[in-house]
């Protein structure tokens, strides 16, 4: 959230804002992705989103996620 002004300038949202949207939309899962290269450590983004929405995950390149009646992390390709 400390880069909220920059996110607005570039038509993006912060992880915290994504969490708020997920909560208000009453979704089952928030999958965070499209990370800026400036973030070498992603866990703070996940922590920020989870303040607003507990069922959040980081999208990991190569990981397969099945979405049907329940969300399952299948593994890496």
N, C-alpha and C. Protein backbone atom coordinates (compact mmCIF):
# COMPACT_ATOMS: atom_id res chain seq x y z
N UNK A 1 0.81 -1.19 0.00
CA UNK A 1 0.00 0.00 0.00
C UNK A 1 0.85 1.26 0.00
N UNK A 2 2.13 1.13 0.28
CA UNK A 2 2.99 2.31 0.31
C UNK A 2 3.23 2.89 -1.08
N UNK A 3 2.83 2.19 -2.12
CA UNK A 3 2.98 2.68 -3.49
C UNK A 3 1.62 2.90 -4.16
N UNK A 4 0.64 3.25 -3.35
CA UNK A 4 -0.72 3.43 -3.85
C UNK A 4 -0.80 4.52 -4.92
N UNK A 5 -0.06 5.61 -4.74
CA UNK A 5 -0.06 6.68 -5.73
C UNK A 5 0.48 6.19 -7.07
N UNK A 6 1.56 5.43 -7.02
CA UNK A 6 2.15 4.89 -8.26
C UNK A 6 1.19 3.90 -8.92
N UNK A 7 0.54 3.07 -8.14
CA UNK A 7 -0.42 2.11 -8.68
C UNK A 7 -1.53 2.84 -9.42
N UNK A 8 -2.01 3.92 -8.84
CA UNK A 8 -3.07 4.70 -9.48
C UNK A 8 -2.60 5.30 -10.80
N UNK A 9 -1.38 5.82 -10.82
CA UNK A 9 -0.82 6.41 -12.04
C UNK A 9 -0.73 5.40 -13.18
N UNK A 10 -0.47 4.16 -12.84
CA UNK A 10 -0.25 3.12 -13.86
C UNK A 10 -1.47 2.22 -14.06
N UNK A 11 -2.60 2.63 -13.48
CA UNK A 11 -3.86 1.89 -13.62
C UNK A 11 -3.75 0.46 -13.09
N UNK A 12 -3.07 0.33 -11.96
CA UNK A 12 -2.95 -0.95 -11.27
C UNK A 12 -3.59 -0.81 -9.89
N UNK A 13 -3.59 -1.88 -9.13
CA UNK A 13 -4.06 -1.81 -7.75
C UNK A 13 -2.97 -2.38 -6.85
N UNK A 14 -3.04 -2.00 -5.59
CA UNK A 14 -2.12 -2.59 -4.62
C UNK A 14 -2.68 -3.94 -4.20
N UNK A 15 -1.86 -4.72 -3.52
CA UNK A 15 -2.33 -6.02 -3.02
C UNK A 15 -3.46 -5.82 -2.01
N UNK A 16 -3.35 -4.78 -1.21
CA UNK A 16 -4.41 -4.48 -0.24
C UNK A 16 -5.72 -4.12 -0.93
N UNK A 17 -5.63 -3.32 -1.98
CA UNK A 17 -6.83 -2.96 -2.74
C UNK A 17 -7.44 -4.20 -3.40
N UNK A 18 -6.61 -5.09 -3.90
CA UNK A 18 -7.11 -6.34 -4.49
C UNK A 18 -7.85 -7.15 -3.43
N UNK A 19 -7.32 -7.17 -2.22
CA UNK A 19 -7.99 -7.88 -1.13
C UNK A 19 -9.35 -7.29 -0.81
N UNK A 20 -9.46 -5.97 -0.82
CA UNK A 20 -10.74 -5.30 -0.56
C UNK A 20 -11.75 -5.67 -1.65
N UNK A 21 -11.31 -5.63 -2.89
CA UNK A 21 -12.20 -5.97 -4.01
C UNK A 21 -12.67 -7.42 -3.90
N UNK A 22 -11.75 -8.33 -3.58
CA UNK A 22 -12.11 -9.75 -3.44
C UNK A 22 -13.14 -9.94 -2.34
N UNK A 23 -12.93 -9.26 -1.21
CA UNK A 23 -13.88 -9.39 -0.09
C UNK A 23 -15.25 -8.86 -0.48
N UNK A 24 -15.28 -7.68 -1.09
CA UNK A 24 -16.56 -7.07 -1.48
C UNK A 24 -17.27 -7.89 -2.56
N UNK A 25 -16.50 -8.52 -3.43
CA UNK A 25 -17.08 -9.34 -4.50
C UNK A 25 -17.49 -10.72 -4.01
N UNK A 26 -17.11 -11.05 -2.77
CA UNK A 26 -17.43 -12.34 -2.17
C UNK A 26 -16.93 -13.51 -3.00
N UNK A 27 -15.70 -13.39 -3.48
CA UNK A 27 -15.10 -14.48 -4.25
C UNK A 27 -14.55 -15.54 -3.30
N UNK A 28 -14.24 -16.70 -3.84
CA UNK A 28 -13.69 -17.78 -3.03
C UNK A 28 -12.18 -17.68 -2.86
N UNK A 29 -11.51 -17.15 -3.87
CA UNK A 29 -10.05 -17.12 -3.88
C UNK A 29 -9.56 -15.87 -4.59
N UNK A 30 -8.56 -15.22 -4.02
CA UNK A 30 -7.85 -14.12 -4.67
C UNK A 30 -6.48 -14.65 -5.08
N UNK A 31 -6.21 -14.60 -6.35
CA UNK A 31 -4.93 -15.06 -6.87
C UNK A 31 -4.15 -13.82 -7.32
N UNK A 32 -3.08 -13.50 -6.61
CA UNK A 32 -2.27 -12.33 -6.92
C UNK A 32 -1.23 -12.67 -7.97
N UNK A 33 -1.10 -11.82 -8.96
CA UNK A 33 -0.10 -12.01 -10.01
C UNK A 33 0.26 -10.69 -10.64
N UNK A 34 0.99 -10.74 -11.74
CA UNK A 34 1.41 -9.54 -12.47
C UNK A 34 2.22 -8.63 -11.55
N UNK A 35 3.28 -9.21 -11.01
CA UNK A 35 4.12 -8.50 -10.03
C UNK A 35 5.10 -7.57 -10.74
N UNK A 36 5.33 -6.43 -10.13
CA UNK A 36 6.37 -5.53 -10.62
C UNK A 36 7.73 -6.17 -10.38
N UNK A 37 8.65 -5.91 -11.28
CA UNK A 37 10.01 -6.45 -11.14
C UNK A 37 10.72 -5.90 -9.91
N UNK A 38 10.23 -4.79 -9.38
CA UNK A 38 10.88 -4.19 -8.20
C UNK A 38 10.71 -5.04 -6.95
N UNK A 39 9.75 -5.98 -6.97
CA UNK A 39 9.52 -6.81 -5.79
C UNK A 39 10.32 -8.11 -5.90
N UNK A 40 11.35 -8.19 -5.11
CA UNK A 40 12.17 -9.41 -5.08
C UNK A 40 11.56 -10.43 -4.12
N UNK A 41 10.91 -9.94 -3.08
CA UNK A 41 10.24 -10.79 -2.09
C UNK A 41 8.74 -10.53 -2.20
N UNK A 42 7.96 -11.59 -2.45
CA UNK A 42 6.53 -11.42 -2.70
C UNK A 42 5.66 -11.63 -1.46
N UNK A 43 6.20 -12.23 -0.42
CA UNK A 43 5.37 -12.51 0.76
C UNK A 43 4.76 -11.26 1.39
N UNK A 44 5.41 -10.10 1.37
CA UNK A 44 4.74 -8.90 1.90
C UNK A 44 3.47 -8.54 1.11
N UNK A 45 3.47 -8.82 -0.19
CA UNK A 45 2.28 -8.56 -0.99
C UNK A 45 1.13 -9.47 -0.55
N UNK A 46 1.46 -10.73 -0.33
CA UNK A 46 0.46 -11.69 0.14
C UNK A 46 -0.06 -11.27 1.52
N UNK A 47 0.84 -10.90 2.39
CA UNK A 47 0.43 -10.46 3.73
C UNK A 47 -0.50 -9.26 3.65
N UNK A 48 -0.19 -8.32 2.78
CA UNK A 48 -1.00 -7.11 2.61
C UNK A 48 -2.40 -7.47 2.12
N UNK A 49 -2.50 -8.36 1.16
CA UNK A 49 -3.81 -8.76 0.64
C UNK A 49 -4.61 -9.50 1.71
N UNK A 50 -3.92 -10.33 2.49
CA UNK A 50 -4.61 -11.16 3.47
C UNK A 50 -5.15 -10.36 4.65
N UNK A 51 -4.69 -9.14 4.84
CA UNK A 51 -5.29 -8.28 5.86
C UNK A 51 -6.76 -8.05 5.51
N UNK A 52 -7.04 -7.94 4.24
CA UNK A 52 -8.40 -7.66 3.76
C UNK A 52 -9.17 -8.91 3.36
N UNK A 53 -8.45 -9.95 2.89
CA UNK A 53 -9.10 -11.15 2.38
C UNK A 53 -8.21 -12.34 2.67
N UNK A 54 -8.67 -13.20 3.55
CA UNK A 54 -7.82 -14.30 4.06
C UNK A 54 -7.45 -15.35 3.01
N UNK A 55 -8.33 -15.64 2.07
CA UNK A 55 -8.04 -16.71 1.12
C UNK A 55 -7.38 -16.15 -0.13
N UNK A 56 -6.15 -15.71 0.05
CA UNK A 56 -5.36 -15.17 -1.05
C UNK A 56 -4.13 -16.05 -1.26
N UNK A 57 -3.68 -16.12 -2.49
CA UNK A 57 -2.49 -16.89 -2.83
C UNK A 57 -1.66 -16.11 -3.83
N UNK A 58 -0.40 -16.43 -3.91
CA UNK A 58 0.48 -15.85 -4.93
C UNK A 58 0.46 -16.76 -6.16
N UNK A 59 0.28 -16.17 -7.32
CA UNK A 59 0.40 -16.93 -8.57
C UNK A 59 1.88 -17.19 -8.79
N UNK A 60 2.23 -18.42 -9.02
CA UNK A 60 3.62 -18.82 -9.22
C UNK A 60 3.76 -19.36 -10.64
N UNK A 61 4.72 -18.84 -11.35
CA UNK A 61 4.93 -19.26 -12.74
C UNK A 61 5.11 -20.77 -12.83
N UNK A 62 4.36 -21.38 -13.73
CA UNK A 62 4.46 -22.82 -13.95
C UNK A 62 3.52 -23.64 -13.09
N UNK A 63 2.88 -23.02 -12.10
CA UNK A 63 1.96 -23.74 -11.24
C UNK A 63 0.60 -23.85 -11.93
N UNK A 64 -0.03 -25.01 -11.81
CA UNK A 64 -1.34 -25.25 -12.40
C UNK A 64 -2.39 -25.22 -11.30
N UNK A 65 -3.46 -24.50 -11.57
CA UNK A 65 -4.54 -24.39 -10.60
C UNK A 65 -5.83 -24.83 -11.27
N UNK A 66 -6.49 -25.84 -10.72
CA UNK A 66 -7.77 -26.31 -11.24
C UNK A 66 -8.88 -25.58 -10.52
N UNK A 67 -9.82 -25.05 -11.28
CA UNK A 67 -10.94 -24.34 -10.69
C UNK A 67 -12.23 -25.03 -11.12
N UNK A 68 -12.92 -25.63 -10.17
CA UNK A 68 -14.21 -26.24 -10.42
C UNK A 68 -15.05 -25.98 -9.17
N UNK A 69 -15.59 -26.99 -8.54
CA UNK A 69 -16.34 -26.78 -7.30
C UNK A 69 -15.43 -26.32 -6.17
N UNK A 70 -14.18 -26.64 -6.27
CA UNK A 70 -13.19 -26.18 -5.31
C UNK A 70 -11.90 -25.92 -6.04
N UNK A 71 -11.08 -25.08 -5.48
CA UNK A 71 -9.81 -24.73 -6.12
C UNK A 71 -8.75 -25.68 -5.61
N UNK A 72 -7.98 -26.26 -6.54
CA UNK A 72 -6.92 -27.20 -6.18
C UNK A 72 -5.62 -26.77 -6.83
N UNK A 73 -4.57 -26.72 -6.06
CA UNK A 73 -3.25 -26.48 -6.62
C UNK A 73 -2.72 -27.84 -7.06
N UNK A 74 -2.54 -28.01 -8.34
CA UNK A 74 -2.14 -29.31 -8.88
C UNK A 74 -0.63 -29.48 -8.84
N UNK A 75 0.10 -28.45 -9.09
CA UNK A 75 1.55 -28.53 -9.08
C UNK A 75 2.12 -27.77 -10.23
N UNK A 76 3.41 -27.90 -10.39
CA UNK A 76 4.10 -27.18 -11.46
C UNK A 76 4.12 -27.98 -12.71
N UNK A 77 4.12 -27.28 -13.84
CA UNK A 77 4.16 -27.93 -15.15
C UNK A 77 5.55 -28.39 -15.45
